[in-house]
C-alpha atoms as a PDB file:
ATOM      1  CA  MET A   1       6.186 -15.664   3.721  1.00  0.00           C
ATOM      2  CA  SER A   2       6.923 -13.238   5.569  1.00  0.00           C
ATOM      3  CA  THR A   3       8.558  -9.785   5.030  1.00  0.00           C
ATOM      4  CA  LYS A   4      11.955 -11.074   6.497  1.00  0.00           C
ATOM      5  CA  GLN A   5      11.864 -14.972   4.696  1.00  0.00           C
ATOM      6  CA  ILE A   6      11.726 -12.790   1.730  1.00  0.00           C
ATOM      7  CA  LEU A   7      14.496 -10.613   2.716  1.00  0.00           C
ATOM      8  CA  GLU A   8      16.692 -13.581   3.421  1.00  0.00           C
ATOM      9  CA  GLN A   9      15.670 -14.682   0.364  1.00  0.00           C
ATOM     10  CA  ALA A  10      16.321 -11.577  -2.208  1.00  0.00           C
ATOM     11  CA  LEU A  11      19.630 -11.351   0.050  1.00  0.00           C
ATOM     12  CA  ARG A  12      21.065 -14.632  -1.789  1.00  0.00           C
ATOM     13  CA  LEU A  13      20.173 -13.221  -5.414  1.00  0.00           C
ATOM     14  CA  LYS A  14      23.113 -12.430  -7.968  1.00  0.00           C
ATOM     15  CA  PRO A  15      23.867  -8.729  -7.666  1.00  0.00           C
ATOM     16  CA  GLU A  16      22.052  -7.856 -10.912  1.00  0.00           C
ATOM     17  CA  GLU A  17      19.262  -9.760  -9.340  1.00  0.00           C
ATOM     18  CA  ARG A  18      18.958  -7.524  -6.416  1.00  0.00           C
ATOM     19  CA  PHE A  19      19.056  -4.362  -8.849  1.00  0.00           C
ATOM     20  CA  THR A  20      16.548  -5.932 -10.455  1.00  0.00           C
ATOM     21  CA  LEU A  21      14.154  -6.697  -7.484  1.00  0.00           C
ATOM     22  CA  ILE A  22      14.901  -3.319  -6.027  1.00  0.00           C
ATOM     23  CA  GLU A  23      14.334  -1.058  -8.994  1.00  0.00           C
ATOM     24  CA  GLY A  24      11.018  -3.016  -9.295  1.00  0.00           C
ATOM     25  CA  LEU A  25      10.199  -2.238  -5.927  1.00  0.00           C
ATOM     26  CA  ILE A  26      10.786   2.135  -6.408  1.00  0.00           C
ATOM     27  CA  LYS A  27       9.107   1.736  -9.193  1.00  0.00           C
ATOM     28  CA  SER A  28       5.995   0.566  -7.486  1.00  0.00           C
ATOM     29  CA  LEU A  29       6.015   2.922  -5.132  1.00  0.00           C
ATOM     30  CA  ASP A  30       6.465   6.111  -7.717  1.00  0.00           C
ATOM     31  CA  GLU A  31       3.607   4.728  -9.453  1.00  0.00           C
ATOM     32  CA  PRO A  32       0.684   7.372  -9.348  1.00  0.00           C
ATOM     33  CA  ASP A  33      -2.193   6.559  -7.133  1.00  0.00           C
ATOM     34  CA  LYS A  34      -5.469   7.468  -8.510  1.00  0.00           C
ATOM     35  CA  LYS A  35      -7.314   7.423  -6.251  1.00  0.00           C
ATOM     36  CA  LEU A  36      -4.950   9.808  -4.403  1.00  0.00           C
ATOM     37  CA  ASP A  37      -4.289  11.931  -7.034  1.00  0.00           C
ATOM     38  CA  GLU A  38      -8.862  12.116  -6.923  1.00  0.00           C
ATOM     39  CA  ILE A  39      -8.709  13.086  -3.733  1.00  0.00           C
ATOM     40  CA  TRP A  40      -5.859  16.463  -4.443  1.00  0.00           C
ATOM     41  CA  ALA A  41      -8.242  16.906  -7.268  1.00  0.00           C
ATOM     42  CA  GLU A  42     -11.478  17.627  -4.827  1.00  0.00           C
ATOM     43  CA  GLU A  43      -9.345  18.727  -2.407  1.00  0.00           C
ATOM     44  CA  ALA A  44      -8.343  22.009  -4.880  1.00  0.00           C
ATOM     45  CA  GLU A  45     -11.343  22.398  -6.404  1.00  0.00           C
ATOM     46  CA  LYS A  46     -12.950  23.081  -3.015  1.00  0.00           C
ATOM     47  CA  ARG A  47      -9.970  25.543  -2.000  1.00  0.00           C
ATOM     48  CA  LEU A  48     -10.140  27.515  -5.556  1.00  0.00           C
ATOM     49  CA  LYS A  49     -13.860  27.775  -4.957  1.00  0.00           C
ATOM     50  CA  ALA A  50     -13.786  28.965  -1.106  1.00  0.00           C
ATOM     51  CA  TYR A  51     -10.866  31.995  -2.480  1.00  0.00           C
ATOM     52  CA  ARG A  52     -13.181  33.109  -4.708  1.00  0.00           C
ATOM     53  CA  GLU A  53     -16.271  33.095  -2.632  1.00  0.00           C
ATOM     54  CA  GLY A  54     -13.695  34.691   0.223  1.00  0.00           C
ATOM     55  CA  ARG A  55     -13.992  32.014   2.233  1.00  0.00           C
ATOM     56  CA  LEU A  56      -9.938  32.191   2.032  1.00  0.00           C
ATOM     57  CA  GLU A  57      -7.608  33.940   1.732  1.00  0.00           C
ATOM     58  CA  GLY A  58      -4.177  33.723  -0.875  1.00  0.00           C
ATOM     59  CA  ILE A  59      -0.581  34.334   0.189  1.00  0.00           C
ATOM     60  CA  PRO A  60       1.484  36.273  -2.427  1.00  0.00           C
ATOM     61  CA  MET A  61       3.856  34.250  -4.505  1.00  0.00           C
ATOM     62  CA  GLU A  62       7.079  36.733  -2.773  1.00  0.00           C
ATOM     63  CA  GLU A  63       5.995  35.966   0.772  1.00  0.00           C
ATOM     64  CA  ILE A  64       6.117  31.975  -0.437  1.00  0.00           C
ATOM     65  CA  PHE A  65       9.542  32.447  -2.027  1.00  0.00           C
ATOM     66  CA  LYS A  66      11.003  34.950   0.136  1.00  0.00           C
ATOM     67  CA  GLU A  67      14.388  33.901   1.532  1.00  0.00           C
ATOM     68  CA  GLU A  68      15.174  34.597   4.959  1.00  0.00           C
END
């Protein structure tokens, strides 16, 4: 079934049913992605190691959050 066909069928639903469908779709997008979390954790470890070894320079918090 194509996306267009799914949409056409979804639009035939009662408003409450469409809301339930939309809510389910949105929740599915908000679920954590364990693989992505692992990638970010590895990247954070690499950056921390590089910082501790002096290969990466930090930025002061005040500079990051200053208002312009």
